Amino acid sequence: MDDPQHETRHHSIWPLLLATGLALVVATILVLLSLGFFGLVLGISAAVCALAALHYLTWGWWLGRMIEEEAEQDDNG
């Protein structure tokens, strides 16, 4: 009756929410235990990650356009 090939997977958001909640609890405890120093470390880490993401997105966009233009030039001539 149940065909294993037609079995559907149900994706749930709960594992992501639980992991995020646990990370927030651990970060909060570390900030409280370190008298706020860990918050500064987290802030600096977040800023570095944001800068890296911006750099990655910018270079990816720019290089993607360059590759696309080169491919058009190769196709046309």
C-alpha atoms as a PDB file:
ATOM      1  CA  MET A   1       0.000   0.000   0.000  1.00  0.00           C
ATOM      2  CA  ASP A   2       2.703   2.504   0.973  1.00  0.00           C
ATOM      3  CA  ASP A   3       5.185   2.928  -1.834  1.00  0.00           C
ATOM      4  CA  PRO A   4       8.630   3.822  -0.413  1.00  0.00           C
ATOM      5  CA  GLN A   5       9.531   5.720  -3.597  1.00  0.00           C
ATOM      6  CA  HIS A   6       6.647   8.143  -3.077  1.00  0.00           C
ATOM      7  CA  GLU A   7       7.451   8.792   0.548  1.00  0.00           C
ATOM      8  CA  THR A   8       7.584  12.514   1.270  1.00  0.00           C
ATOM      9  CA  ARG A   9       9.881  14.150   3.762  1.00  0.00           C
ATOM     10  CA  HIS A  10       8.409  16.697   6.081  1.00  0.00           C
ATOM     11  CA  HIS A  11      10.867  19.440   6.840  1.00  0.00           C
ATOM     12  CA  SER A  12      10.484  21.072  10.190  1.00  0.00           C
ATOM     13  CA  ILE A  13      11.696  24.403  11.486  1.00  0.00           C
ATOM     14  CA  TRP A  14      11.941  23.056  15.049  1.00  0.00           C
ATOM     15  CA  PRO A  15      15.575  21.875  14.912  1.00  0.00           C
ATOM     16  CA  LEU A  16      16.663  25.285  13.652  1.00  0.00           C
ATOM     17  CA  LEU A  17      14.638  27.090  16.322  1.00  0.00           C
ATOM     18  CA  LEU A  18      15.967  24.841  19.099  1.00  0.00           C
ATOM     19  CA  ALA A  19      19.583  25.275  17.967  1.00  0.00           C
ATOM     20  CA  THR A  20      19.142  29.048  17.771  1.00  0.00           C
ATOM     21  CA  GLY A  21      17.546  29.135  21.209  1.00  0.00           C
ATOM     22  CA  LEU A  22      20.350  27.047  22.691  1.00  0.00           C
ATOM     23  CA  ALA A  23      22.975  29.310  21.094  1.00  0.00           C
ATOM     24  CA  LEU A  24      21.252  32.387  22.556  1.00  0.00           C
ATOM     25  CA  VAL A  25      21.088  30.836  26.019  1.00  0.00           C
ATOM     26  CA  VAL A  26      24.773  29.841  25.900  1.00  0.00           C
ATOM     27  CA  ALA A  27      25.787  33.300  24.616  1.00  0.00           C
ATOM     28  CA  THR A  28      23.742  35.004  27.338  1.00  0.00           C
ATOM     29  CA  ILE A  29      25.322  32.866  30.058  1.00  0.00           C
ATOM     30  CA  LEU A  30      28.812  33.569  28.713  1.00  0.00           C
ATOM     31  CA  VAL A  31      28.132  37.323  28.578  1.00  0.00           C
ATOM     32  CA  LEU A  32      26.881  37.293  32.171  1.00  0.00           C
ATOM     33  CA  LEU A  33      29.788  35.193  33.431  1.00  0.00           C
ATOM     34  CA  SER A  34      32.387  37.352  31.687  1.00  0.00           C
ATOM     35  CA  LEU A  35      30.825  40.625  32.905  1.00  0.00           C
ATOM     36  CA  GLY A  36      30.048  41.721  29.343  1.00  0.00           C
ATOM     37  CA  PHE A  37      33.420  40.993  27.775  1.00  0.00           C
ATOM     38  CA  PHE A  38      32.048  38.095  25.735  1.00  0.00           C
ATOM     39  CA  GLY A  39      29.406  40.445  24.299  1.00  0.00           C
ATOM     40  CA  LEU A  40      32.184  42.630  22.951  1.00  0.00           C
ATOM     41  CA  VAL A  41      33.867  39.576  21.434  1.00  0.00           C
ATOM     42  CA  LEU A  42      30.549  38.508  19.862  1.00  0.00           C
ATOM     43  CA  GLY A  43      29.993  42.010  18.481  1.00  0.00           C
ATOM     44  CA  ILE A  44      33.442  42.188  16.924  1.00  0.00           C
ATOM     45  CA  SER A  45      33.038  38.678  15.502  1.00  0.00           C
ATOM     46  CA  ALA A  46      29.660  39.602  14.013  1.00  0.00           C
ATOM     47  CA  ALA A  47      31.155  42.747  12.452  1.00  0.00           C
ATOM     48  CA  VAL A  48      34.030  40.773  10.892  1.00  0.00           C
ATOM     49  CA  CYS A  49      31.581  38.158   9.541  1.00  0.00           C
ATOM     50  CA  ALA A  50      29.333  40.893   8.133  1.00  0.00           C
ATOM     51  CA  LEU A  51      32.307  42.540   6.439  1.00  0.00           C
ATOM     52  CA  ALA A  52      33.407  39.186   4.984  1.00  0.00           C
ATOM     53  CA  ALA A  53      29.871  38.506   3.715  1.00  0.00           C
ATOM     54  CA  LEU A  54      29.683  41.955   2.111  1.00  0.00           C
ATOM     55  CA  HIS A  55      33.071  41.414   0.487  1.00  0.00           C
ATOM     56  CA  TYR A  56      32.032  37.973  -0.775  1.00  0.00           C
ATOM     57  CA  LEU A  57      28.747  39.251  -2.193  1.00  0.00           C
ATOM     58  CA  THR A  58      30.364  42.277  -3.833  1.00  0.00           C
ATOM     59  CA  TRP A  59      33.171  40.306  -5.478  1.00  0.00           C
ATOM     60  CA  GLY A  60      30.760  37.545  -6.473  1.00  0.00           C
ATOM     61  CA  TRP A  61      28.443  40.066  -8.147  1.00  0.00           C
ATOM     62  CA  TRP A  62      31.300  41.877  -9.887  1.00  0.00           C
ATOM     63  CA  LEU A  63      33.098  38.742 -11.071  1.00  0.00           C
ATOM     64  CA  GLY A  64      29.783  37.169 -12.136  1.00  0.00           C
ATOM     65  CA  ARG A  65      29.120  40.144 -14.399  1.00  0.00           C
ATOM     66  CA  MET A  66      32.648  39.979 -15.820  1.00  0.00           C
ATOM     67  CA  ILE A  67      32.341  36.268 -16.608  1.00  0.00           C
ATOM     68  CA  GLU A  68      28.939  36.837 -18.209  1.00  0.00           C
ATOM     69  CA  GLU A  69      30.317  39.647 -20.392  1.00  0.00           C
ATOM     70  CA  GLU A  70      33.279  37.498 -21.448  1.00  0.00           C
ATOM     71  CA  ALA A  71      30.972  34.614 -22.323  1.00  0.00           C
ATOM     72  CA  GLU A  72      28.836  36.964 -24.476  1.00  0.00           C
ATOM     73  CA  GLN A  73      31.962  38.256 -26.228  1.00  0.00           C
ATOM     74  CA  ASP A  74      33.135  34.698 -26.904  1.00  0.00           C
ATOM     75  CA  ASP A  75      29.716  33.763 -28.303  1.00  0.00           C
ATOM     76  CA  ASN A  76      29.502  36.866 -30.517  1.00  0.00           C
ATOM     77  CA  GLY A  77      32.970  36.982 -31.871  1.00  0.00           C
END
